[in-house]
Structure formats: structure tokens, C-alpha cells
Amino acid sequence: MVKFFRLLGLLSQSIFLQFVHLVGLVAFLVAAAFGYFRVPSWTVPILAVVCGVVVDKYVDVTDVTGLLEKASKANERGGFLILVYAVITVVGYIVGAYSRHHHEKSKASAAPKLNNK
């Protein structure tokens, strides 16, 4: 149980680091757009893997490693970054789908009701 909570803490710190680098924010916004525009949900894991691999290979994250030392060490492992981006993109997709649902619901309630008597 303790290891599970440590993993959650490490995962949340890594997500924070990815958002500081703005790559995590971009992945979140793209996943939210996927959810909003009803792109099939099978694209979310693909987006997570692509973002994780790109960040692992091409993005230099050493500028904020002093913030969270353990998370930056974990981010050096490509598999962990894929897990981080899987969480980011799944949450983004759910937020986008929920906002689409809420937008349609509010648009339907704002439409005038017609009485056909």
C-alpha cells in the first residue's frame, strides 16, 4: 500500500514537471480537443505513446530538475514517461468529452421551447 502511494506521489510530481515544460499542457489540450470533437478513444493511447517517446528522446528537461529530484530521475525512464502521458491524455480526453456533453446540454436548455397547441 505504501508503494502504491509513493507511485501516485511520483506520478503526480512527474505530471507537474511535464506541465511546467508545457509539453504536458499541449498533450492535455490535444487530448481534450480529441474528446470534444469525438475523435475515437483508441487515439488517446497512441497520443500518449507518441508524446512520451518524443519527450524522452527530444526534450531537455534538465532546466527544472532541481524542483523535484525523484520525479526527474523517474522521467529519465521512457516507460515511466509513457505512463505519465497516458494519465495526462486520458484525463484530457475525459475533460473534453465532458465539456462537449455540458456544451450540448446547455445549448439544448437555452433553445426556446415551442408549444404546439
PDB file of N, CA and C in Angstrom:
ATOM      1  N   MET A   1       0.824  -1.193   0.000  1.00  0.00           N
ATOM      2  CA  MET A   1       0.000   0.000   0.000  1.00  0.00           C
ATOM      3  C   MET A   1       0.868   1.257   0.000  1.00  0.00           C
ATOM      4  N   VAL A   2       1.946   1.205   0.753  1.00  0.00           N
ATOM      5  CA  VAL A   2       2.857   2.347   0.814  1.00  0.00           C
ATOM      6  C   VAL A   2       3.495   2.574  -0.553  1.00  0.00           C
ATOM      7  N   LYS A   3       3.850   1.482  -1.234  1.00  0.00           N
ATOM      8  CA  LYS A   3       4.452   1.621  -2.557  1.00  0.00           C
ATOM      9  C   LYS A   3       3.465   2.228  -3.550  1.00  0.00           C
ATOM     10  N   PHE A   4       2.197   1.892  -3.408  1.00  0.00           N
ATOM     11  CA  PHE A   4       1.171   2.467  -4.281  1.00  0.00           C
ATOM     12  C   PHE A   4       1.080   3.977  -4.084  1.00  0.00           C
ATOM     13  N   PHE A   5       1.092   4.420  -2.827  1.00  0.00           N
ATOM     14  CA  PHE A   5       1.025   5.855  -2.559  1.00  0.00           C
ATOM     15  C   PHE A   5       2.292   6.573  -3.008  1.00  0.00           C
ATOM     16  N   ARG A   6       3.426   5.915  -2.896  1.00  0.00           N
ATOM     17  CA  ARG A   6       4.669   6.504  -3.401  1.00  0.00           C
ATOM     18  C   ARG A   6       4.613   6.651  -4.921  1.00  0.00           C
ATOM     19  N   LEU A   7       4.064   5.631  -5.595  1.00  0.00           N
ATOM     20  CA  LEU A   7       3.928   5.703  -7.047  1.00  0.00           C
ATOM     21  C   LEU A   7       2.999   6.846  -7.438  1.00  0.00           C
ATOM     22  N   LEU A   8       1.878   7.004  -6.724  1.00  0.00           N
ATOM     23  CA  LEU A   8       0.963   8.115  -7.018  1.00  0.00           C
ATOM     24  C   LEU A   8       1.638   9.465  -6.797  1.00  0.00           C
ATOM     25  N   GLY A   9       2.419   9.569  -5.734  1.00  0.00           N
ATOM     26  CA  GLY A   9       3.147  10.813  -5.479  1.00  0.00           C
ATOM     27  C   GLY A   9       4.165  11.107  -6.563  1.00  0.00           C
ATOM     28  N   LEU A  10       4.904  10.088  -6.972  1.00  0.00           N
ATOM     29  CA  LEU A  10       5.890  10.250  -8.027  1.00  0.00           C
ATOM     30  C   LEU A  10       5.226  10.586  -9.353  1.00  0.00           C
ATOM     31  N   LEU A  11       4.102   9.950  -9.617  1.00  0.00           N
ATOM     32  CA  LEU A  11       3.361  10.218 -10.851  1.00  0.00           C
ATOM     33  C   LEU A  11       2.839  11.653 -10.874  1.00  0.00           C
ATOM     34  N   SER A  12       2.296  12.117  -9.767  1.00  0.00           N
ATOM     35  CA  SER A  12       1.784  13.495  -9.723  1.00  0.00           C
ATOM     36  C   SER A  12       2.918  14.513  -9.844  1.00  0.00           C
ATOM     37  N   GLN A  13       4.066  14.225  -9.266  1.00  0.00           N
ATOM     38  CA  GLN A  13       5.211  15.131  -9.419  1.00  0.00           C
ATOM     39  C   GLN A  13       5.694  15.160 -10.862  1.00  0.00           C
ATOM     40  N   SER A  14       5.706  14.008 -11.508  1.00  0.00           N
ATOM     41  CA  SER A  14       6.119  13.957 -12.910  1.00  0.00           C
ATOM     42  C   SER A  14       5.142  14.688 -13.815  1.00  0.00           C
ATOM     43  N   ILE A  15       3.857  14.543 -13.539  1.00  0.00           N
ATOM     44  CA  ILE A  15       2.858  15.273 -14.321  1.00  0.00           C
ATOM     45  C   ILE A  15       3.062  16.776 -14.146  1.00  0.00           C
ATOM     46  N   PHE A  16       3.340  17.201 -12.921  1.00  0.00           N
ATOM     47  CA  PHE A  16       3.613  18.608 -12.671  1.00  0.00           C
ATOM     48  C   PHE A  16       4.825  19.082 -13.481  1.00  0.00           C
ATOM     49  N   LEU A  17       5.896  18.289 -13.517  1.00  0.00           N
ATOM     50  CA  LEU A  17       7.078  18.661 -14.298  1.00  0.00           C
ATOM     51  C   LEU A  17       6.767  18.763 -15.781  1.00  0.00           C
ATOM     52  N   GLN A  18       5.939  17.864 -16.291  1.00  0.00           N
ATOM     53  CA  GLN A  18       5.600  17.920 -17.714  1.00  0.00           C
ATOM     54  C   GLN A  18       4.745  19.150 -18.038  1.00  0.00           C
ATOM     55  N   PHE A  19       3.895  19.546 -17.092  1.00  0.00           N
ATOM     56  CA  PHE A  19       3.112  20.755 -17.307  1.00  0.00           C
ATOM     57  C   PHE A  19       3.995  22.000 -17.220  1.00  0.00           C
ATOM     58  N   VAL A  20       5.029  21.972 -16.371  1.00  0.00           N
ATOM     59  CA  VAL A  20       5.961  23.096 -16.289  1.00  0.00           C
ATOM     60  C   VAL A  20       6.687  23.264 -17.614  1.00  0.00           C
ATOM     61  N   HIS A  21       7.001  22.157 -18.270  1.00  0.00           N
ATOM     62  CA  HIS A  21       7.677  22.220 -19.573  1.00  0.00           C
ATOM     63  C   HIS A  21       6.726  22.548 -20.712  1.00  0.00           C
ATOM     64  N   LEU A  22       5.465  22.658 -20.442  1.00  0.00           N
ATOM     65  CA  LEU A  22       4.405  22.978 -21.397  1.00  0.00           C
ATOM     66  C   LEU A  22       4.107  21.869 -22.394  1.00  0.00           C
ATOM     67  N   VAL A  23       4.926  20.841 -22.462  1.00  0.00           N
ATOM     68  CA  VAL A  23       4.636  19.718 -23.349  1.00  0.00           C
ATOM     69  C   VAL A  23       3.443  18.939 -22.804  1.00  0.00           C
ATOM     70  N   GLY A  24       3.382  18.785 -21.497  1.00  0.00           N
ATOM     71  CA  GLY A  24       2.243  18.114 -20.873  1.00  0.00           C
ATOM     72  C   GLY A  24       0.956  18.876 -21.082  1.00  0.00           C
ATOM     73  N   LEU A  25       1.041  20.202 -21.020  1.00  0.00           N
ATOM     74  CA  LEU A  25      -0.142  21.035 -21.250  1.00  0.00           C
ATOM     75  C   LEU A  25      -0.625  20.892 -22.685  1.00  0.00           C
ATOM     76  N   VAL A  26       0.296  20.865 -23.627  1.00  0.00           N
ATOM     77  CA  VAL A  26      -0.082  20.697 -25.035  1.00  0.00           C
ATOM     78  C   VAL A  26      -0.734  19.332 -25.244  1.00  0.00           C
ATOM     79  N   ALA A  27      -0.160  18.287 -24.651  1.00  0.00           N
ATOM     80  CA  ALA A  27      -0.752  16.946 -24.777  1.00  0.00           C
ATOM     81  C   ALA A  27      -2.138  16.914 -24.153  1.00  0.00           C
ATOM     82  N   PHE A  28      -2.308  17.574 -23.007  1.00  0.00           N
ATOM     83  CA  PHE A  28      -3.611  17.636 -22.350  1.00  0.00           C
ATOM     84  C   PHE A  28      -4.628  18.353 -23.234  1.00  0.00           C
ATOM     85  N   LEU A  29      -4.245  19.470 -23.825  1.00  0.00           N
ATOM     86  CA  LEU A  29      -5.168  20.232 -24.666  1.00  0.00           C
ATOM     87  C   LEU A  29      -5.523  19.474 -25.949  1.00  0.00           C
ATOM     88  N   VAL A  30      -4.550  18.771 -26.518  1.00  0.00           N
ATOM     89  CA  VAL A  30      -4.833  17.974 -27.720  1.00  0.00           C
ATOM     90  C   VAL A  30      -5.800  16.844 -27.376  1.00  0.00           C
ATOM     91  N   ALA A  31      -5.575  16.183 -26.234  1.00  0.00           N
ATOM     92  CA  ALA A  31      -6.481  15.106 -25.822  1.00  0.00           C
ATOM     93  C   ALA A  31      -7.867  15.653 -25.510  1.00  0.00           C
ATOM     94  N   ALA A  32      -7.934  16.843 -24.913  1.00  0.00           N
ATOM     95  CA  ALA A  32      -9.234  17.456 -24.642  1.00  0.00           C
ATOM     96  C   ALA A  32      -9.954  17.787 -25.951  1.00  0.00           C
ATOM     97  N   ALA A  33      -9.210  18.245 -26.944  1.00  0.00           N
ATOM     98  CA  ALA A  33      -9.809  18.517 -28.253  1.00  0.00           C
ATOM     99  C   ALA A  33     -10.301  17.215 -28.889  1.00  0.00           C
ATOM    100  N   PHE A  34      -9.547  16.138 -28.730  1.00  0.00           N
ATOM    101  CA  PHE A  34      -9.992  14.829 -29.231  1.00  0.00           C
ATOM    102  C   PHE A  34     -11.318  14.436 -28.591  1.00  0.00           C
ATOM    103  N   GLY A  35     -11.428  14.634 -27.292  1.00  0.00           N
ATOM    104  CA  GLY A  35     -12.668  14.285 -26.601  1.00  0.00           C
ATOM    105  C   GLY A  35     -13.811  15.182 -27.002  1.00  0.00           C
ATOM    106  N   TYR A  36     -13.529  16.470 -27.178  1.00  0.00           N
ATOM    107  CA  TYR A  36     -14.579  17.422 -27.531  1.00  0.00           C
ATOM    108  C   TYR A  36     -15.127  17.158 -28.922  1.00  0.00           C
ATOM    109  N   PHE A  37     -14.243  16.853 -29.855  1.00  0.00           N
ATOM    110  CA  PHE A  37     -14.678  16.640 -31.235  1.00  0.00           C
ATOM    111  C   PHE A  37     -14.968  15.176 -31.559  1.00  0.00           C
ATOM    112  N   ARG A  38     -15.099  14.357 -30.524  1.00  0.00           N
ATOM    113  CA  ARG A  38     -15.482  12.950 -30.647  1.00  0.00           C
ATOM    114  C   ARG A  38     -14.553  12.131 -31.537  1.00  0.00           C
ATOM    115  N   VAL A  39     -13.268  12.383 -31.414  1.00  0.00           N
ATOM    116  CA  VAL A  39     -12.291  11.533 -32.085  1.00  0.00           C
ATOM    117  C   VAL A  39     -12.318  10.191 -31.360  1.00  0.00           C
ATOM    118  N   PRO A  40     -12.180   9.081 -32.055  1.00  0.00           N
ATOM    119  CA  PRO A  40     -12.256   7.776 -31.380  1.00  0.00           C
ATOM    120  C   PRO A  40     -11.272   7.678 -30.206  1.00  0.00           C
ATOM    121  N   SER A  41     -11.717   7.011 -29.158  1.00  0.00           N
ATOM    122  CA  SER A  41     -10.918   6.960 -27.936  1.00  0.00           C
ATOM    123  C   SER A  41      -9.653   6.118 -28.083  1.00  0.00           C
ATOM    124  N   TRP A  42      -9.562   5.289 -29.094  1.00  0.00           N
ATOM    125  CA  TRP A  42      -8.351   4.498 -29.282  1.00  0.00           C
ATOM    126  C   TRP A  42      -7.172   5.365 -29.696  1.00  0.00           C
ATOM    127  N   THR A  43      -7.409   6.615 -30.081  1.00  0.00           N
ATOM    128  CA  THR A  43      -6.304   7.505 -30.432  1.00  0.00           C
ATOM    129  C   THR A  43      -5.584   8.049 -29.199  1.00  0.00           C
ATOM    130  N   VAL A  44      -6.222   7.975 -28.031  1.00  0.00           N
ATOM    131  CA  VAL A  44      -5.617   8.514 -26.811  1.00  0.00           C
ATOM    132  C   VAL A  44      -4.357   7.744 -26.419  1.00  0.00           C
ATOM    133  N   PRO A  45      -4.353   6.408 -26.393  1.00  0.00           N
ATOM    134  CA  PRO A  45      -3.090   5.719 -26.078  1.00  0.00           C
ATOM    135  C   PRO A  45      -1.994   5.984 -27.109  1.00  0.00           C
ATOM    136  N   ILE A  46      -2.380   6.148 -28.361  1.00  0.00           N
ATOM    137  CA  ILE A  46      -1.389   6.462 -29.392  1.00  0.00           C
ATOM    138  C   ILE A  46      -0.769   7.825 -29.114  1.00  0.00           C
ATOM    139  N   LEU A  47      -1.604   8.798 -28.759  1.00  0.00           N
ATOM    140  CA  LEU A  47      -1.103  10.127 -28.415  1.00  0.00           C
ATOM    141  C   LEU A  47      -0.185  10.059 -27.200  1.00  0.00           C
ATOM    142  N   ALA A  48      -0.539   9.248 -26.214  1.00  0.00           N
ATOM    143  CA  ALA A  48       0.289   9.115 -25.013  1.00  0.00           C
ATOM    144  C   ALA A  48       1.658   8.529 -25.342  1.00  0.00           C
ATOM    145  N   VAL A  49       1.690   7.487 -26.161  1.00  0.00           N
ATOM    146  CA  VAL A  49       2.961   6.857 -26.523  1.00  0.00           C
ATOM    147  C   VAL A  49       3.813   7.818 -27.342  1.00  0.00           C
ATOM    148  N   VAL A  50       3.204   8.501 -28.301  1.00  0.00           N
ATOM    149  CA  VAL A  50       3.951   9.448 -29.130  1.00  0.00           C
ATOM    150  C   VAL A  50       4.533  10.570 -28.274  1.00  0.00           C
ATOM    151  N   CYS A  51       3.728  11.135 -27.401  1.00  0.00           N
ATOM    152  CA  CYS A  51       4.223  12.221 -26.540  1.00  0.00           C
ATOM    153  C   CYS A  51       5.319  11.726 -25.601  1.00  0.00           C
ATOM    154  N   GLY A  52       5.135  10.550 -25.018  1.00  0.00           N
ATOM    155  CA  GLY A  52       6.141  10.003 -24.119  1.00  0.00           C
ATOM    156  C   GLY A  52       7.473   9.751 -24.808  1.00  0.00           C
ATOM    157  N   VAL A  53       7.424   9.195 -26.012  1.00  0.00           N
ATOM    158  CA  VAL A  53       8.655   8.912 -26.750  1.00  0.00           C
ATOM    159  C   VAL A  53       9.319  10.205 -27.201  1.00  0.00           C
ATOM    160  N   VAL A  54       8.535  11.155 -27.702  1.00  0.00           N
ATOM    161  CA  VAL A  54       9.106  12.427 -28.161  1.00  0.00           C
ATOM    162  C   VAL A  54       9.764  13.173 -27.011  1.00  0.00           C
ATOM    163  N   VAL A  55       9.108  13.226 -25.865  1.00  0.00           N
ATOM    164  CA  VAL A  55       9.696  13.919 -24.720  1.00  0.00           C
ATOM    165  C   VAL A  55      10.940  13.190 -24.239  1.00  0.00           C
ATOM    166  N   ASP A  56      10.903  11.877 -24.241  1.00  0.00           N
ATOM    167  CA  ASP A  56      12.063  11.111 -23.791  1.00  0.00           C
ATOM    168  C   ASP A  56      13.258  11.325 -24.711  1.00  0.00           C
ATOM    169  N   LYS A  57      13.023  11.388 -26.002  1.00  0.00           N
ATOM    170  CA  LYS A  57      14.134  11.478 -26.954  1.00  0.00           C
ATOM    171  C   LYS A  57      14.581  12.912 -27.257  1.00  0.00           C
ATOM    172  N   TYR A  58      13.649  13.869 -27.299  1.00  0.00           N
ATOM    173  CA  TYR A  58      13.992  15.169 -27.864  1.00  0.00           C
ATOM    174  C   TYR A  58      13.893  16.363 -26.916  1.00  0.00           C
ATOM    175  N   VAL A  59      13.208  16.245 -25.801  1.00  0.00           N
ATOM    176  CA  VAL A  59      13.015  17.393 -24.929  1.00  0.00           C
ATOM    177  C   VAL A  59      14.016  17.323 -23.774  1.00  0.00           C
ATOM    178  N   ASP A  60      14.736  18.426 -23.575  1.00  0.00           N
ATOM    179  CA  ASP A  60      15.699  18.509 -22.485  1.00  0.00           C
ATOM    180  C   ASP A  60      14.978  19.020 -21.245  1.00  0.00           C
ATOM    181  N   VAL A  61      14.920  18.190 -20.220  1.00  0.00           N
ATOM    182  CA  VAL A  61      14.181  18.544 -19.010  1.00  0.00           C
ATOM    183  C   VAL A  61      15.109  18.882 -17.853  1.00  0.00           C
ATOM    184  N   THR A  62      16.348  19.182 -18.132  1.00  0.00           N
ATOM    185  CA  THR A  62      17.305  19.434 -17.052  1.00  0.00           C
ATOM    186  C   THR A  62      17.163  20.813 -16.435  1.00  0.00           C
ATOM    187  N   ASP A  63      16.408  21.696 -17.043  1.00  0.00           N
ATOM    188  CA  ASP A  63      16.307  23.056 -16.507  1.00  0.00           C
ATOM    189  C   ASP A  63      15.466  23.144 -15.237  1.00  0.00           C
ATOM    190  N   VAL A  64      14.586  22.196 -14.981  1.00  0.00           N
ATOM    191  CA  VAL A  64      13.795  22.225 -13.749  1.00  0.00           C
ATOM    192  C   VAL A  64      14.000  20.975 -12.895  1.00  0.00           C
ATOM    193  N   THR A  65      15.110  20.292 -13.078  1.00  0.00           N
ATOM    194  CA  THR A  65      15.335  19.074 -12.306  1.00  0.00           C
ATOM    195  C   THR A  65      15.574  19.371 -10.835  1.00  0.00           C
ATOM    196  N   GLY A  66      15.951  20.581 -10.501  1.00  0.00           N
ATOM    197  CA  GLY A  66      16.134  20.919  -9.103  1.00  0.00           C
ATOM    198  C   GLY A  66      14.830  20.981  -8.338  1.00  0.00           C
ATOM    199  N   LEU A  67      13.722  21.147  -9.048  1.00  0.00           N
ATOM    200  CA  LEU A  67      12.418  21.214  -8.386  1.00  0.00           C
ATOM    201  C   LEU A  67      12.068  19.904  -7.693  1.00  0.00           C
ATOM    202  N   LEU A  68      12.081  18.863  -8.436  1.00  0.00           N
ATOM    203  CA  LEU A  68      11.657  17.558  -7.911  1.00  0.00           C
ATOM    204  C   LEU A  68      12.666  16.504  -8.386  1.00  0.00           C
ATOM    205  N   GLU A  69      13.622  16.224  -7.556  1.00  0.00           N
ATOM    206  CA  GLU A  69      14.734  15.346  -7.952  1.00  0.00           C
ATOM    207  C   GLU A  69      14.283  13.918  -8.260  1.00  0.00           C
ATOM    208  N   LYS A  70      13.421  13.344  -7.426  1.00  0.00           N
ATOM    209  CA  LYS A  70      12.987  11.962  -7.664  1.00  0.00           C
ATOM    210  C   LYS A  70      12.173  11.843  -8.947  1.00  0.00           C
ATOM    211  N   ALA A  71      11.314  12.806  -9.185  1.00  0.00           N
ATOM    212  CA  ALA A  71      10.492  12.763 -10.399  1.00  0.00           C
ATOM    213  C   ALA A  71      11.350  12.931 -11.640  1.00  0.00           C
ATOM    214  N   SER A  72      12.365  13.766 -11.566  1.00  0.00           N
ATOM    215  CA  SER A  72      13.216  13.944 -12.738  1.00  0.00           C
ATOM    216  C   SER A  72      14.038  12.689 -13.006  1.00  0.00           C
ATOM    217  N   LYS A  73      14.420  11.977 -11.957  1.00  0.00           N
ATOM    218  CA  LYS A  73      15.124  10.698 -12.155  1.00  0.00           C
ATOM    219  C   LYS A  73      14.187   9.674 -12.795  1.00  0.00           C
ATOM    220  N   ALA A  74      12.930   9.652 -12.357  1.00  0.00           N
ATOM    221  CA  ALA A  74      11.966   8.714 -12.931  1.00  0.00           C
ATOM    222  C   ALA A  74      11.645   9.072 -14.376  1.00  0.00           C
ATOM    223  N   ASN A  75      11.677  10.356 -14.703  1.00  0.00           N
ATOM    224  CA  ASN A  75      11.384  10.786 -16.065  1.00  0.00           C
ATOM    225  C   ASN A  75      12.465  10.368 -17.049  1.00  0.00           C
ATOM    226  N   GLU A  76      13.620   9.972 -16.552  1.00  0.00           N
ATOM    227  CA  GLU A  76      14.680   9.514 -17.441  1.00  0.00           C
ATOM    228  C   GLU A  76      14.371   8.149 -18.029  1.00  0.00           C
ATOM    229  N   ARG A  77      13.410   7.468 -17.453  1.00  0.00           N
ATOM    230  CA  ARG A  77      12.986   6.164 -17.979  1.00  0.00           C
ATOM    231  C   ARG A  77      11.822   6.382 -18.940  1.00  0.00           C
ATOM    232  N   GLY A  78      11.972   5.928 -20.168  1.00  0.00           N
ATOM    233  CA  GLY A  78      10.953   6.159 -21.191  1.00  0.00           C
ATOM    234  C   GLY A  78       9.610   5.538 -20.869  1.00  0.00           C
ATOM    235  N   GLY A  79       9.610   4.365 -20.263  1.00  0.00           N
ATOM    236  CA  GLY A  79       8.353   3.703 -19.925  1.00  0.00           C
ATOM    237  C   GLY A  79       7.547   4.485 -18.911  1.00  0.00           C
ATOM    238  N   PHE A  80       8.224   5.111 -17.976  1.00  0.00           N
ATOM    239  CA  PHE A  80       7.516   5.920 -16.985  1.00  0.00           C
ATOM    240  C   PHE A  80       6.906   7.152 -17.631  1.00  0.00           C
ATOM    241  N   LEU A  81       7.590   7.739 -18.595  1.00  0.00           N
ATOM    242  CA  LEU A  81       7.026   8.897 -19.298  1.00  0.00           C
ATOM    243  C   LEU A  81       5.785   8.514 -20.087  1.00  0.00           C
ATOM    244  N   ILE A  82       5.763   7.320 -20.642  1.00  0.00           N
ATOM    245  CA  ILE A  82       4.560   6.873 -21.353  1.00  0.00           C
ATOM    246  C   ILE A  82       3.403   6.747 -20.373  1.00  0.00           C
ATOM    247  N   LEU A  83       3.672   6.251 -19.166  1.00  0.00           N
ATOM    248  CA  LEU A  83       2.637   6.176 -18.134  1.00  0.00           C
ATOM    249  C   LEU A  83       2.148   7.569 -17.751  1.00  0.00           C
ATOM    250  N   VAL A  84       3.076   8.509 -17.614  1.00  0.00           N
ATOM    251  CA  VAL A  84       2.715   9.889 -17.270  1.00  0.00           C
ATOM    252  C   VAL A  84       1.822  10.485 -18.348  1.00  0.00           C
ATOM    253  N   TYR A  85       2.205  10.317 -19.605  1.00  0.00           N
ATOM    254  CA  TYR A  85       1.400  10.878 -20.688  1.00  0.00           C
ATOM    255  C   TYR A  85       0.101  10.112 -20.896  1.00  0.00           C
ATOM    256  N   ALA A  86       0.054   8.854 -20.501  1.00  0.00           N
ATOM    257  CA  ALA A  86      -1.215   8.125 -20.551  1.00  0.00           C
ATOM    258  C   ALA A  86      -2.203   8.749 -19.576  1.00  0.00           C
ATOM    259  N   VAL A  87      -1.745   9.084 -18.384  1.00  0.00           N
ATOM    260  CA  VAL A  87      -2.631   9.731 -17.415  1.00  0.00           C
ATOM    261  C   VAL A  87      -3.059  11.104 -17.917  1.00  0.00           C
ATOM    262  N   ILE A  88      -2.118  11.880 -18.432  1.00  0.00           N
ATOM    263  CA  ILE A  88      -2.436  13.224 -18.920  1.00  0.00           C
ATOM    264  C   ILE A  88      -3.453  13.167 -20.051  1.00  0.00           C
ATOM    265  N   THR A  89      -3.241  12.279 -21.021  1.00  0.00           N
ATOM    266  CA  THR A  89      -4.131  12.248 -22.183  1.00  0.00           C
ATOM    267  C   THR A  89      -5.499  11.658 -21.857  1.00  0.00           C
ATOM    268  N   VAL A  90      -5.553  10.659 -20.984  1.00  0.00           N
ATOM    269  CA  VAL A  90      -6.851  10.093 -20.615  1.00  0.00           C
ATOM    270  C   VAL A  90      -7.686  11.130 -19.872  1.00  0.00           C
ATOM    271  N   VAL A  91      -7.074  11.829 -18.941  1.00  0.00           N
ATOM    272  CA  VAL A  91      -7.807  12.873 -18.215  1.00  0.00           C
ATOM    273  C   VAL A  91      -8.218  13.988 -19.171  1.00  0.00           C
ATOM    274  N   GLY A  92      -7.342  14.354 -20.102  1.00  0.00           N
ATOM    275  CA  GLY A  92      -7.689  15.379 -21.087  1.00  0.00           C
ATOM    276  C   GLY A  92      -8.845  14.959 -21.967  1.00  0.00           C
ATOM    277  N   TYR A  93      -8.848  13.701 -22.394  1.00  0.00           N
ATOM    278  CA  TYR A  93      -9.938  13.198 -23.227  1.00  0.00           C
ATOM    279  C   TYR A  93     -11.262  13.215 -22.471  1.00  0.00           C
ATOM    280  N   ILE A  94     -11.230  12.811 -21.214  1.00  0.00           N
ATOM    281  CA  ILE A  94     -12.454  12.820 -20.402  1.00  0.00           C
ATOM    282  C   ILE A  94     -12.950  14.241 -20.193  1.00  0.00           C
ATOM    283  N   VAL A  95     -12.041  15.175 -19.951  1.00  0.00           N
ATOM    284  CA  VAL A  95     -12.437  16.577 -19.781  1.00  0.00           C
ATOM    285  C   VAL A  95     -13.058  17.115 -21.063  1.00  0.00           C
ATOM    286  N   GLY A  96     -12.464  16.783 -22.216  1.00  0.00           N
ATOM    287  CA  GLY A  96     -13.019  17.237 -23.487  1.00  0.00           C
ATOM    288  C   GLY A  96     -14.388  16.649 -23.771  1.00  0.00           C
ATOM    289  N   ALA A  97     -14.560  15.363 -23.496  1.00  0.00           N
ATOM    290  CA  ALA A  97     -15.858  14.725 -23.721  1.00  0.00           C
ATOM    291  C   ALA A  97     -16.916  15.291 -22.779  1.00  0.00           C
ATOM    292  N   TYR A  98     -16.539  15.530 -21.540  1.00  0.00           N
ATOM    293  CA  TYR A  98     -17.483  16.101 -20.584  1.00  0.00           C
ATOM    294  C   TYR A  98     -17.853  17.534 -20.971  1.00  0.00           C
ATOM    295  N   SER A  99     -16.875  18.300 -21.446  1.00  0.00           N
ATOM    296  CA  SER A  99     -17.202  19.672 -21.849  1.00  0.00           C
ATOM    297  C   SER A  99     -18.109  19.680 -23.072  1.00  0.00           C
ATOM    298  N   ARG A 100     -17.933  18.726 -23.982  1.00  0.00           N
ATOM    299  CA  ARG A 100     -18.830  18.610 -25.135  1.00  0.00           C
ATOM    300  C   ARG A 100     -20.250  18.296 -24.669  1.00  0.00           C
ATOM    301  N   HIS A 101     -20.376  17.355 -23.729  1.00  0.00           N
ATOM    302  CA  HIS A 101     -21.679  16.991 -23.183  1.00  0.00           C
ATOM    303  C   HIS A 101     -22.322  18.193 -22.489  1.00  0.00           C
ATOM    304  N   HIS A 102     -21.553  18.895 -21.695  1.00  0.00           N
ATOM    305  CA  HIS A 102     -22.080  20.060 -20.982  1.00  0.00           C
ATOM    306  C   HIS A 102     -22.476  21.171 -21.954  1.00  0.00           C
ATOM    307  N   HIS A 103     -21.690  21.366 -23.005  1.00  0.00           N
ATOM    308  CA  HIS A 103     -21.989  22.391 -24.001  1.00  0.00           C
ATOM    309  C   HIS A 103     -23.293  22.065 -24.733  1.00  0.00           C
ATOM    310  N   GLU A 104     -23.465  20.812 -25.128  1.00  0.00           N
ATOM    311  CA  GLU A 104     -24.701  20.416 -25.811  1.00  0.00           C
ATOM    312  C   GLU A 104     -25.903  20.514 -24.886  1.00  0.00           C
ATOM    313  N   LYS A 105     -25.715  20.171 -23.627  1.00  0.00           N
ATOM    314  CA  LYS A 105     -26.804  20.243 -22.654  1.00  0.00           C
ATOM    315  C   LYS A 105     -27.220  21.689 -22.400  1.00  0.00           C
ATOM    316  N   SER A 106     -26.249  22.583 -22.283  1.00  0.00           N
ATOM    317  CA  SER A 106     -26.595  23.985 -22.055  1.00  0.00           C
ATOM    318  C   SER A 106     -27.191  24.624 -23.306  1.00  0.00           C
ATOM    319  N   LYS A 107     -26.759  24.184 -24.479  1.00  0.00           N
ATOM    320  CA  LYS A 107     -27.323  24.707 -25.718  1.00  0.00           C
ATOM    321  C   LYS A 107     -28.764  24.240 -25.884  1.00  0.00           C
ATOM    322  N   ALA A 108     -29.054  23.007 -25.467  1.00  0.00           N
ATOM    323  CA  ALA A 108     -30.406  22.481 -25.584  1.00  0.00           C
ATOM    324  C   ALA A 108     -31.348  23.165 -24.578  1.00  0.00           C
ATOM    325  N   SER A 109     -30.849  23.486 -23.408  1.00  0.00           N
ATOM    326  CA  SER A 109     -31.717  24.143 -22.413  1.00  0.00           C
ATOM    327  C   SER A 109     -31.923  25.621 -22.749  1.00  0.00           C
ATOM    328  N   ALA A 110     -31.029  26.214 -23.528  1.00  0.00           N
ATOM    329  CA  ALA A 110     -31.175  27.617 -23.908  1.00  0.00           C
ATOM    330  C   ALA A 110     -32.089  27.792 -25.110  1.00  0.00           C
ATOM    331  N   ALA A 111     -32.355  26.721 -25.839  1.00  0.00           N
ATOM    332  CA  ALA A 111     -33.227  26.800 -27.004  1.00  0.00           C
ATOM    333  C   ALA A 111     -34.654  27.063 -26.548  1.00  0.00           C
ATOM    334  N   PRO A 112     -35.388  27.894 -27.271  1.00  0.00           N
ATOM    335  CA  PRO A 112     -36.759  28.190 -26.854  1.00  0.00           C
ATOM    336  C   PRO A 112     -37.656  26.971 -27.015  1.00  0.00           C
ATOM    337  N   LYS A 113     -38.513  26.803 -26.056  1.00  0.00           N
ATOM    338  CA  LYS A 113     -39.466  25.688 -26.076  1.00  0.00           C
ATOM    339  C   LYS A 113     -40.710  26.124 -26.860  1.00  0.00           C
ATOM    340  N   LEU A 114     -41.147  25.277 -27.772  1.00  0.00           N
ATOM    341  CA  LEU A 114     -42.312  25.579 -28.577  1.00  0.00           C
ATOM    342  C   LEU A 114     -43.502  24.762 -28.072  1.00  0.00           C
ATOM    343  N   ASN A 115     -44.607  25.429 -27.883  1.00  0.00           N
ATOM    344  CA  ASN A 115     -45.843  24.747 -27.500  1.00  0.00           C
ATOM    345  C   ASN A 115     -46.715  24.586 -28.731  1.00  0.00           C
ATOM    346  N   ASN A 116     -47.000  23.381 -29.065  1.00  0.00           N
ATOM    347  CA  ASN A 116     -47.860  23.116 -30.223  1.00  0.00           C
ATOM    348  C   ASN A 116     -49.258  22.776 -29.748  1.00  0.00           C
ATOM    349  N   LYS A 117     -50.046  23.775 -29.467  1.00  0.00           N
ATOM    350  CA  LYS A 117     -51.427  23.562 -29.029  1.00  0.00           C
ATOM    351  C   LYS A 117     -52.391  24.014 -30.065  1.00  0.00           C
TER     352      LYS A 117
END
